[in-house]
Amino acid sequence: MSVNDDAASAKLTKDFQAANKETQAKIVHDLLIVQNRLYAQLESLSWLERALKLRFSLPPLRGWAASPDVLLGLHEHVRLTRPRLVVECGSGASTIVVADALRQNGLGKLVSLEHHTDFAEKTRAYLSREHLDAWVDLRLAPLQSWDHEHLGHEAKKPNDPPVRWYDQTMLYGLEDINLLFVDGPPGSTCSHARYPAMPALAKSLAGGAQVWMDDTVRAEEKAICEAWAAAYSFKVEYHSLEKGLGVLSSIG
């Protein structure tokens, strides 16, 4: 082997070692991120379990369900602010958590809008076994065509699914909403599927109300928050939770 070959081999070895070191450092960095995120959820779940006054378990908190950190935030917010009316778009674990907080407060009502029969039935079963039925008005109806203000109408393509939202007949009696938690409809429903919540309910919000948008790690949900803030004179604050949370409150 020539001197040039030895030099090339040494350089190749050095380059390989440097690349391997860089890869290992990235793996360690990524593992630390995962570890910290997992710890944060376990910590939130631990505090949530202490705060709840339930006899049985919550629904599973993975997949589509709200994450433990946002559920803990919801429970604490309801306990601290003592709202008289909470409205949520999409039922599930959040329904149980908010209802428990209302019961602990001894006042308030949760109206939950749901379009999925299976989800509604499961949520009602959880409410029933915890004797939380009296604190929740769960309204079930299929999604309906939405023909009003919507985000992204200009960019809509001919083959895009039609815009649908909760049946507006379910909005009867909703006045002076203190907290609106938006966690539905699913993003797969249509483009910017959660946008209609504010056009439909903004006039029903009480003074000082907050609007919480789950899943703001996704671009669509964040874009909706920005559009709401501009259109309805709200300020938005983003919280670095597992799935992201946008909290909107009125300016002034």
Protein backbone atom coordinates (compact mmCIF):
# COMPACT_ATOMS: atom_id res chain seq x y z
CA MET A 1 0.00 0.00 0.00
CA SER A 2 1.40 3.36 -1.00
CA VAL A 3 1.79 6.42 1.17
CA ASN A 4 -1.15 8.00 -0.65
CA ASP A 5 -3.27 4.94 0.09
CA ASP A 6 -2.33 5.11 3.78
CA ALA A 7 -3.27 8.78 3.90
CA ALA A 8 -6.60 8.16 2.15
CA SER A 9 -7.38 5.29 4.51
CA ALA A 10 -6.53 7.40 7.56
CA LYS A 11 -8.72 10.22 6.30
CA LEU A 12 -11.59 7.82 5.65
CA THR A 13 -11.27 6.43 9.17
CA LYS A 14 -11.18 9.91 10.66
CA ASP A 15 -14.24 10.98 8.65
CA PHE A 16 -16.11 7.86 9.70
CA GLN A 17 -15.31 8.42 13.36
CA ALA A 18 -16.44 12.06 13.15
CA ALA A 19 -19.68 11.08 11.43
CA ASN A 20 -20.28 8.33 13.97
CA LYS A 21 -19.67 10.75 16.84
CA GLU A 22 -22.10 13.24 15.32
CA THR A 23 -24.73 10.52 14.86
CA GLN A 24 -24.33 9.37 18.45
CA ALA A 25 -24.67 12.94 19.72
CA LYS A 26 -27.88 13.38 17.72
CA ILE A 27 -29.29 10.12 19.06
CA VAL A 28 -28.53 11.19 22.64
CA HIS A 29 -30.11 14.60 21.98
CA ASP A 30 -33.26 13.03 20.52
CA LEU A 31 -33.53 10.55 23.39
CA LEU A 32 -33.29 13.40 25.91
CA ILE A 33 -36.14 15.22 24.14
CA VAL A 34 -38.31 12.09 24.21
CA GLN A 35 -37.41 11.48 27.85
CA ASN A 36 -38.29 15.03 28.86
CA ARG A 37 -41.59 14.92 26.97
CA LEU A 38 -42.51 11.60 28.55
CA TYR A 39 -41.60 12.89 31.99
CA ALA A 40 -43.73 16.00 31.46
CA GLN A 41 -46.78 13.88 30.59
CA LEU A 42 -46.26 11.54 33.53
CA GLU A 43 -45.83 14.51 35.85
CA SER A 44 -49.04 16.11 34.53
CA LEU A 45 -50.88 12.80 34.81
CA SER A 46 -49.74 12.42 38.41
CA TRP A 47 -51.02 15.90 39.36
CA LEU A 48 -54.23 15.30 37.40
CA GLU A 49 -54.93 12.06 39.26
CA ARG A 50 -54.48 13.89 42.57
CA ALA A 51 -56.82 16.69 41.51
CA LEU A 52 -59.65 14.52 40.18
CA LYS A 53 -62.30 13.11 42.49
CA LEU A 54 -63.17 10.07 40.40
CA ARG A 55 -64.00 6.52 41.48
CA PHE A 56 -62.83 4.90 38.25
CA SER A 57 -60.30 5.46 35.47
CA LEU A 58 -60.27 8.07 32.75
CA PRO A 59 -60.59 7.09 29.07
CA PRO A 60 -57.25 6.24 27.40
CA LEU A 61 -55.17 9.40 26.98
CA ARG A 62 -53.21 8.51 23.85
CA GLY A 63 -54.11 8.80 20.18
CA TRP A 64 -56.85 11.36 19.53
CA ALA A 65 -57.47 12.08 23.21
CA ALA A 66 -56.37 15.32 24.82
CA SER A 67 -52.97 14.90 26.47
CA PRO A 68 -52.50 14.87 30.27
CA ASP A 69 -50.88 18.32 30.30
CA VAL A 70 -53.82 20.06 28.60
CA LEU A 71 -56.32 18.11 30.75
CA LEU A 72 -54.50 19.23 33.89
CA GLY A 73 -54.61 22.80 32.61
CA LEU A 74 -58.33 22.55 31.92
CA HIS A 75 -59.09 21.16 35.36
CA GLU A 76 -57.04 23.81 37.15
CA HIS A 77 -58.49 26.63 35.03
CA VAL A 78 -62.07 25.56 35.75
CA ARG A 79 -61.37 25.15 39.47
CA LEU A 80 -59.73 28.59 39.68
CA THR A 81 -62.08 30.64 37.48
CA ARG A 82 -65.35 28.90 38.47
CA PRO A 83 -67.09 29.30 35.08
CA ARG A 84 -70.85 29.06 34.82
CA LEU A 85 -70.79 27.79 31.23
CA VAL A 86 -68.10 25.80 29.44
CA VAL A 87 -68.55 24.66 25.85
CA GLU A 88 -66.35 22.08 24.18
CA CYS A 89 -66.19 20.95 20.57
CA GLY A 90 -65.59 17.21 20.72
CA SER A 91 -66.28 14.97 23.71
CA GLY A 92 -64.02 12.51 25.52
CA ALA A 93 -61.57 12.65 28.41
CA SER A 94 -61.90 16.44 28.53
CA THR A 95 -65.62 16.03 29.23
CA ILE A 96 -64.93 13.94 32.33
CA VAL A 97 -62.19 16.25 33.54
CA VAL A 98 -64.19 19.46 33.16
CA ALA A 99 -67.30 17.87 34.69
CA ASP A 100 -65.28 16.75 37.70
CA ALA A 101 -63.95 20.30 38.16
CA LEU A 102 -67.46 21.75 37.94
CA ARG A 103 -68.72 19.26 40.52
CA GLN A 104 -65.88 20.18 42.86
CA ASN A 105 -66.79 23.85 42.40
CA GLY A 106 -70.44 23.09 43.04
CA LEU A 107 -71.62 25.21 40.11
CA GLY A 108 -71.51 25.48 36.33
CA LYS A 109 -72.47 23.48 33.27
CA LEU A 110 -70.56 21.89 30.40
CA VAL A 111 -72.15 21.69 26.96
CA SER A 112 -70.32 19.19 24.78
CA LEU A 113 -70.86 19.18 21.00
CA GLU A 114 -70.28 15.77 19.41
CA HIS A 115 -70.97 14.29 15.97
CA HIS A 116 -69.63 10.75 16.48
CA THR A 117 -72.20 8.38 18.00
CA ASP A 118 -69.62 5.93 19.36
CA PHE A 119 -67.63 8.67 21.10
CA ALA A 120 -70.82 10.13 22.57
CA GLU A 121 -71.98 6.77 23.92
CA LYS A 122 -68.59 6.04 25.51
CA THR A 123 -68.42 9.49 27.07
CA ARG A 124 -71.94 9.13 28.47
CA ALA A 125 -70.99 5.78 29.97
CA TYR A 126 -67.99 7.34 31.74
CA LEU A 127 -70.14 10.22 32.99
CA SER A 128 -72.81 7.86 34.26
CA ARG A 129 -70.49 5.63 36.27
CA GLU A 130 -68.97 8.72 37.90
CA HIS A 131 -72.42 10.27 38.54
CA LEU A 132 -71.37 13.35 36.54
CA ASP A 133 -74.38 13.36 34.20
CA ALA A 134 -75.99 16.37 35.86
CA TRP A 135 -73.00 18.57 35.06
CA VAL A 136 -72.93 17.86 31.32
CA ASP A 137 -75.28 18.47 28.42
CA LEU A 138 -73.84 16.26 25.68
CA ARG A 139 -75.43 17.16 22.34
CA LEU A 140 -75.11 14.66 19.50
CA ALA A 141 -75.85 15.33 15.82
CA PRO A 142 -74.11 14.64 12.49
CA LEU A 143 -71.88 17.31 11.01
CA GLN A 144 -73.71 19.67 8.67
CA SER A 145 -72.68 21.84 5.74
CA TRP A 146 -71.09 25.13 6.81
CA ASP A 147 -71.92 27.95 4.41
CA HIS A 148 -70.67 30.91 6.44
CA GLU A 149 -67.32 32.58 7.06
CA HIS A 150 -64.43 30.15 6.71
CA LEU A 151 -60.66 30.22 6.48
CA GLY A 152 -59.09 29.22 3.19
CA HIS A 153 -62.14 29.57 0.93
CA GLU A 154 -60.00 31.35 -1.65
CA ALA A 155 -57.56 28.44 -1.86
CA LYS A 156 -60.25 25.76 -1.98
CA LYS A 157 -59.81 23.28 -4.84
CA PRO A 158 -62.68 21.62 -6.76
CA ASN A 159 -61.93 18.17 -5.30
CA ASP A 160 -61.58 19.34 -1.68
CA PRO A 161 -64.24 17.95 0.71
CA PRO A 162 -67.05 20.39 1.55
CA VAL A 163 -66.76 22.39 4.74
CA ARG A 164 -68.78 20.80 7.55
CA TRP A 165 -69.20 21.68 11.20
CA TYR A 166 -71.44 20.82 14.12
CA ASP A 167 -75.18 21.08 13.54
CA GLN A 168 -76.03 24.65 14.51
CA THR A 169 -79.34 23.57 16.02
CA MET A 170 -77.17 22.23 18.87
CA LEU A 171 -76.19 25.78 19.81
CA TYR A 172 -79.53 26.66 21.41
CA GLY A 173 -79.36 28.42 24.75
CA LEU A 174 -75.62 29.07 24.63
CA GLU A 175 -75.13 32.51 26.14
CA ASP A 176 -72.31 33.98 28.25
CA ILE A 177 -69.82 31.18 27.57
CA ASN A 178 -66.89 31.55 29.95
CA LEU A 179 -64.62 28.94 28.35
CA LEU A 180 -64.68 27.47 24.85
CA PHE A 181 -62.45 24.42 24.36
CA VAL A 182 -61.99 23.51 20.70
CA ASP A 183 -60.79 19.95 20.07
CA GLY A 184 -62.95 19.02 17.08
CA PRO A 185 -64.13 18.26 14.49
CA PRO A 186 -61.21 16.09 13.30
CA GLY A 187 -58.77 17.71 10.89
CA SER A 188 -59.62 15.04 8.32
CA THR A 189 -63.17 16.43 8.03
CA CYS A 190 -62.17 19.28 5.74
CA SER A 191 -59.62 22.06 5.44
CA HIS A 192 -59.38 24.16 8.64
CA ALA A 193 -62.17 22.08 10.14
CA ARG A 194 -62.18 23.87 13.51
CA TYR A 195 -62.40 27.42 12.17
CA PRO A 196 -66.24 27.75 12.34
CA ALA A 197 -66.19 27.60 16.15
CA MET A 198 -65.59 31.33 16.49
CA PRO A 199 -67.92 32.54 13.72
CA ALA A 200 -70.62 30.36 15.28
CA LEU A 201 -70.02 31.17 18.95
CA ALA A 202 -68.10 34.46 19.25
CA LYS A 203 -71.26 36.45 19.97
CA SER A 204 -72.14 34.00 22.74
CA LEU A 205 -68.89 34.50 24.68
CA ALA A 206 -69.06 36.24 28.03
CA GLY A 207 -66.84 39.19 28.84
CA GLY A 208 -63.39 37.92 29.80
CA ALA A 209 -63.99 34.52 28.21
CA GLN A 210 -61.10 32.42 26.96
CA VAL A 211 -60.95 30.18 23.90
CA TRP A 212 -58.60 27.20 24.04
CA MET A 213 -57.48 25.52 20.83
CA ASP A 214 -55.87 22.10 21.23
CA ASP A 215 -53.26 20.66 18.82
CA THR A 216 -51.51 23.90 17.83
CA VAL A 217 -48.36 21.95 16.96
CA ARG A 218 -50.25 21.49 13.68
CA ALA A 219 -50.05 24.28 11.14
CA GLU A 220 -53.81 24.43 10.48
CA GLU A 221 -54.77 24.89 14.13
CA LYS A 222 -52.14 27.59 14.57
CA ALA A 223 -53.35 29.37 11.42
CA ILE A 224 -56.91 29.26 12.77
CA CYS A 225 -55.79 30.85 16.05
CA GLU A 226 -54.02 33.65 14.17
CA ALA A 227 -57.09 34.26 12.00
CA TRP A 228 -59.40 34.30 15.03
CA ALA A 229 -57.14 36.72 16.88
CA ALA A 230 -57.16 39.13 13.92
CA ALA A 231 -60.88 38.85 13.17
CA TYR A 232 -62.23 39.01 16.73
CA SER A 233 -59.73 41.31 18.48
CA PHE A 234 -58.25 38.56 20.63
CA LYS A 235 -54.69 38.02 21.69
CA VAL A 236 -53.28 34.51 21.43
CA GLU A 237 -50.67 32.85 23.61
CA TYR A 238 -49.14 29.51 22.69
CA HIS A 239 -48.21 26.95 25.33
CA SER A 240 -45.56 24.33 24.61
CA LEU A 241 -47.61 21.32 25.64
CA GLU A 242 -47.32 17.88 24.07
CA LYS A 243 -49.74 18.69 21.24
CA GLY A 244 -49.61 22.45 21.62
CA LEU A 245 -52.27 24.76 23.05
CA GLY A 246 -53.40 28.17 21.87
CA VAL A 247 -55.18 30.33 24.47
CA LEU A 248 -57.11 33.30 23.13
CA SER A 249 -58.41 36.10 25.32
CA SER A 250 -59.99 39.41 24.47
CA ILE A 251 -57.81 42.50 24.17
CA GLY A 252 -58.44 45.17 26.75
